[in-house]
Amino acid sequence: SFLLGKVRLASELDDAGRADLGRRLADRVADAAAPYPVVVVTSAPEVQEWAAHRQFALLEDPGSLDAAARSGQAQLAAMGLARVVIAHADLARARSLTRLADDGARPIAALVPCHRDDGTNVLAVPSETPFEFAYGRGSFRRHLAEARRLGLAARVVRDPDLAFDVDVPDDLVALATGLTA
């Protein structure tokens, strides 16, 4: 939700400021996904309106980030796409997701850890792979383990632009000063 998201930034931004930031970050990530189809998973009316305006496919939020990733993966597989790239909408410096999509149906999981080397900012897997998503603290290591469990080659992509997400006030400072926290 643009309106309810980024609550950890409440000490720095009011509700309208956080909603504006969320929308701008989502636009950046959506632009980085071009030229590929985009599926947005949300139940937030303002995000649904944004997605409709951008002419993105829209799925109802099933209630958790893991379930949202599964839902998006299933939708893209049903559309006949060979690879799914799951990118969070708070990647402040995202420029392109192309190199994560380039593996096609090959048995490779491509992962971009967050700038704290803890979470998974971007994850790409073959669309038909029964990948068990495990977002939250420590997700990067869990996702690496899941790739290995499934016999997928794991390609870790150390991209500072895709690794930088905005979660806490220090991230806002780094964003404003052009530094990576």
Protein backbone atom coordinates (compact mmCIF):
# COMPACT_ATOMS: atom_id res chain seq x y z
CA SER A 1 0.00 0.00 0.00
CA PHE A 2 1.27 3.45 -0.83
CA LEU A 3 -0.84 4.89 1.99
CA LEU A 4 0.09 2.37 4.68
CA GLY A 5 3.57 1.35 3.59
CA LYS A 6 6.98 2.33 4.87
CA VAL A 7 5.86 2.74 8.49
CA ARG A 8 9.49 2.49 9.65
CA LEU A 9 10.00 5.86 7.96
CA ALA A 10 7.24 7.56 9.99
CA SER A 11 9.77 9.47 12.08
CA GLU A 12 11.04 11.14 8.89
CA LEU A 13 8.01 11.30 6.58
CA ASP A 14 4.32 11.93 7.24
CA ASP A 15 1.64 9.72 5.67
CA ALA A 16 1.48 11.76 2.46
CA GLY A 17 5.27 11.80 2.15
CA ARG A 18 5.49 8.04 2.59
CA ALA A 19 2.70 7.49 0.05
CA ASP A 20 4.46 9.77 -2.45
CA LEU A 21 7.76 7.98 -1.88
CA GLY A 22 6.10 4.57 -2.31
CA ARG A 23 4.51 5.62 -5.58
CA ARG A 24 7.77 7.09 -6.95
CA LEU A 25 9.72 3.96 -6.00
CA ALA A 26 7.08 1.71 -7.57
CA ASP A 27 7.26 3.76 -10.77
CA ARG A 28 11.05 3.34 -10.83
CA VAL A 29 10.83 -0.44 -10.42
CA ALA A 30 8.05 -0.71 -12.99
CA ASP A 31 10.14 1.30 -15.45
CA ALA A 32 13.11 -0.99 -14.75
CA ALA A 33 10.96 -3.98 -15.70
CA ALA A 34 10.40 -2.72 -19.24
CA PRO A 35 9.96 -4.27 -21.78
CA TYR A 36 8.62 -7.26 -19.86
CA PRO A 37 5.02 -7.83 -18.69
CA VAL A 38 4.40 -6.67 -15.13
CA VAL A 39 2.03 -8.25 -12.65
CA VAL A 40 1.21 -6.27 -9.50
CA VAL A 41 -0.06 -8.16 -6.47
CA THR A 42 -1.97 -5.90 -4.07
CA SER A 43 -5.30 -5.29 -2.37
CA ALA A 44 -4.64 -1.59 -1.78
CA PRO A 45 -7.06 0.54 -3.83
CA GLU A 46 -4.51 3.28 -4.55
CA VAL A 47 -1.99 0.72 -5.83
CA GLN A 48 -4.69 -0.99 -7.91
CA GLU A 49 -5.51 2.40 -9.45
CA TRP A 50 -1.80 3.02 -10.13
CA ALA A 51 -1.41 -0.44 -11.72
CA ALA A 52 -4.50 0.04 -13.88
CA HIS A 53 -3.20 3.43 -15.04
CA ARG A 54 0.11 1.78 -15.98
CA GLN A 55 -1.85 -1.04 -17.69
CA PHE A 56 -0.29 -3.78 -15.56
CA ALA A 57 -1.93 -7.09 -14.80
CA LEU A 58 -3.36 -7.03 -11.31
CA LEU A 59 -3.79 -9.82 -8.78
CA GLU A 60 -5.47 -9.66 -5.39
CA ASP A 61 -3.01 -9.85 -2.48
CA PRO A 62 -3.29 -13.31 -0.90
CA GLY A 63 -2.08 -11.99 2.47
CA SER A 64 1.68 -12.53 2.66
CA LEU A 65 4.74 -11.63 0.61
CA ASP A 66 5.52 -15.31 0.01
CA ALA A 67 1.99 -16.00 -1.20
CA ALA A 68 2.08 -12.85 -3.37
CA ALA A 69 5.28 -14.08 -5.04
CA ARG A 70 3.68 -17.50 -5.67
CA SER A 71 0.58 -15.85 -7.08
CA GLY A 72 2.58 -13.64 -9.43
CA GLN A 73 4.73 -16.58 -10.48
CA ALA A 74 1.65 -18.67 -11.30
CA GLN A 75 0.12 -15.82 -13.32
CA LEU A 76 3.27 -15.27 -15.38
CA ALA A 77 3.67 -19.02 -15.95
CA ALA A 78 0.05 -19.13 -17.16
CA MET A 79 0.94 -16.31 -19.59
CA GLY A 80 3.59 -18.61 -21.06
CA LEU A 81 6.64 -16.78 -19.77
CA ALA A 82 9.73 -18.90 -19.10
CA ARG A 83 11.13 -16.82 -16.23
CA VAL A 84 9.69 -14.84 -13.35
CA VAL A 85 11.50 -11.89 -11.81
CA ILE A 86 10.16 -10.88 -8.41
CA ALA A 87 11.22 -7.33 -7.56
CA HIS A 88 10.06 -5.33 -4.57
CA ALA A 89 8.62 -1.89 -5.17
CA ASP A 90 11.07 -0.06 -2.92
CA LEU A 91 14.23 -0.30 -5.02
CA ALA A 92 15.20 3.35 -5.14
CA ARG A 93 17.93 3.00 -7.75
CA ALA A 94 16.58 0.25 -9.99
CA ARG A 95 17.46 0.90 -13.63
CA SER A 96 16.92 -2.42 -15.38
CA LEU A 97 15.85 -5.94 -14.50
CA THR A 98 16.90 -7.30 -17.90
CA ARG A 99 19.95 -9.23 -16.74
CA LEU A 100 17.79 -11.08 -14.21
CA ALA A 101 15.40 -12.14 -16.97
CA ASP A 102 18.09 -13.24 -19.41
CA ASP A 103 18.39 -16.79 -18.05
CA GLY A 104 15.03 -17.75 -19.52
CA ALA A 105 13.93 -21.28 -18.59
CA ARG A 106 17.45 -22.43 -17.69
CA PRO A 107 17.63 -24.01 -14.21
CA ILE A 108 19.15 -20.94 -12.58
CA ALA A 109 17.97 -18.87 -9.64
CA ALA A 110 19.35 -15.33 -9.84
CA LEU A 111 19.30 -13.45 -6.55
CA VAL A 112 20.06 -9.85 -5.62
CA PRO A 113 20.62 -9.47 -1.88
CA CYS A 114 19.70 -6.20 -0.22
CA HIS A 115 22.43 -3.74 0.65
CA ARG A 116 22.51 -5.22 4.15
CA ASP A 117 23.14 -8.68 2.65
CA ASP A 118 20.14 -10.03 4.54
CA GLY A 119 16.96 -9.75 2.49
CA THR A 120 16.26 -10.63 -1.15
CA ASN A 121 15.46 -7.56 -3.23
CA VAL A 122 15.17 -9.34 -6.56
CA LEU A 123 14.75 -13.05 -7.26
CA ALA A 124 14.44 -14.66 -10.70
CA VAL A 125 13.52 -18.31 -11.26
CA PRO A 126 12.12 -20.41 -14.09
CA SER A 127 8.36 -19.87 -14.02
CA GLU A 128 7.53 -23.57 -13.70
CA THR A 129 9.86 -24.15 -10.73
CA PRO A 130 8.06 -25.01 -7.46
CA PHE A 131 10.16 -22.46 -5.57
CA GLU A 132 9.21 -21.96 -1.93
CA PHE A 133 9.54 -18.23 -1.28
CA ALA A 134 10.68 -17.25 2.22
CA TYR A 135 10.77 -13.47 2.50
CA GLY A 136 11.62 -11.56 5.66
CA ARG A 137 14.81 -11.26 7.69
CA GLY A 138 17.43 -13.69 6.45
CA SER A 139 15.55 -14.41 3.22
CA PHE A 140 18.66 -14.19 1.04
CA ARG A 141 20.23 -17.24 2.68
CA ARG A 142 16.91 -19.11 2.75
CA HIS A 143 16.41 -18.44 -0.96
CA LEU A 144 19.94 -19.63 -1.75
CA ALA A 145 19.23 -22.82 0.19
CA GLU A 146 15.92 -23.29 -1.64
CA ALA A 147 17.64 -22.92 -5.02
CA ARG A 148 20.14 -25.60 -4.04
CA ARG A 149 17.38 -27.86 -2.69
CA LEU A 150 15.67 -27.66 -6.08
CA GLY A 151 18.91 -28.31 -7.96
CA LEU A 152 19.02 -24.84 -9.45
CA ALA A 153 22.33 -23.10 -10.03
CA ALA A 154 22.42 -20.00 -7.84
CA ARG A 155 23.70 -16.82 -9.46
CA VAL A 156 24.21 -14.04 -6.93
CA VAL A 157 24.02 -10.65 -8.61
CA ARG A 158 25.86 -7.93 -6.69
CA ASP A 159 24.25 -4.90 -8.27
CA PRO A 160 24.39 -1.82 -6.00
CA ASP A 161 21.42 -0.22 -7.76
CA LEU A 162 19.16 -3.25 -7.29
CA ALA A 163 20.52 -3.94 -3.81
CA PHE A 164 19.54 -0.55 -2.44
CA ASP A 165 16.06 -0.58 -0.95
CA VAL A 166 14.49 2.04 1.28
CA ASP A 167 13.39 0.61 4.61
CA VAL A 168 14.71 2.77 7.46
CA PRO A 169 15.56 6.46 8.00
CA ASP A 170 19.27 5.87 7.29
CA ASP A 171 18.26 4.68 3.82
CA LEU A 172 16.55 8.01 3.18
CA VAL A 173 19.75 9.82 4.16
CA ALA A 174 21.79 7.58 1.85
CA LEU A 175 19.32 8.16 -0.95
CA ALA A 176 19.40 11.94 -0.50
CA THR A 177 23.20 12.07 -0.39
CA GLY A 178 23.75 9.57 -3.21
CA LEU A 179 25.50 7.11 -0.93
CA THR A 180 24.69 3.44 -0.46
CA ALA A 181 24.08 2.62 3.19
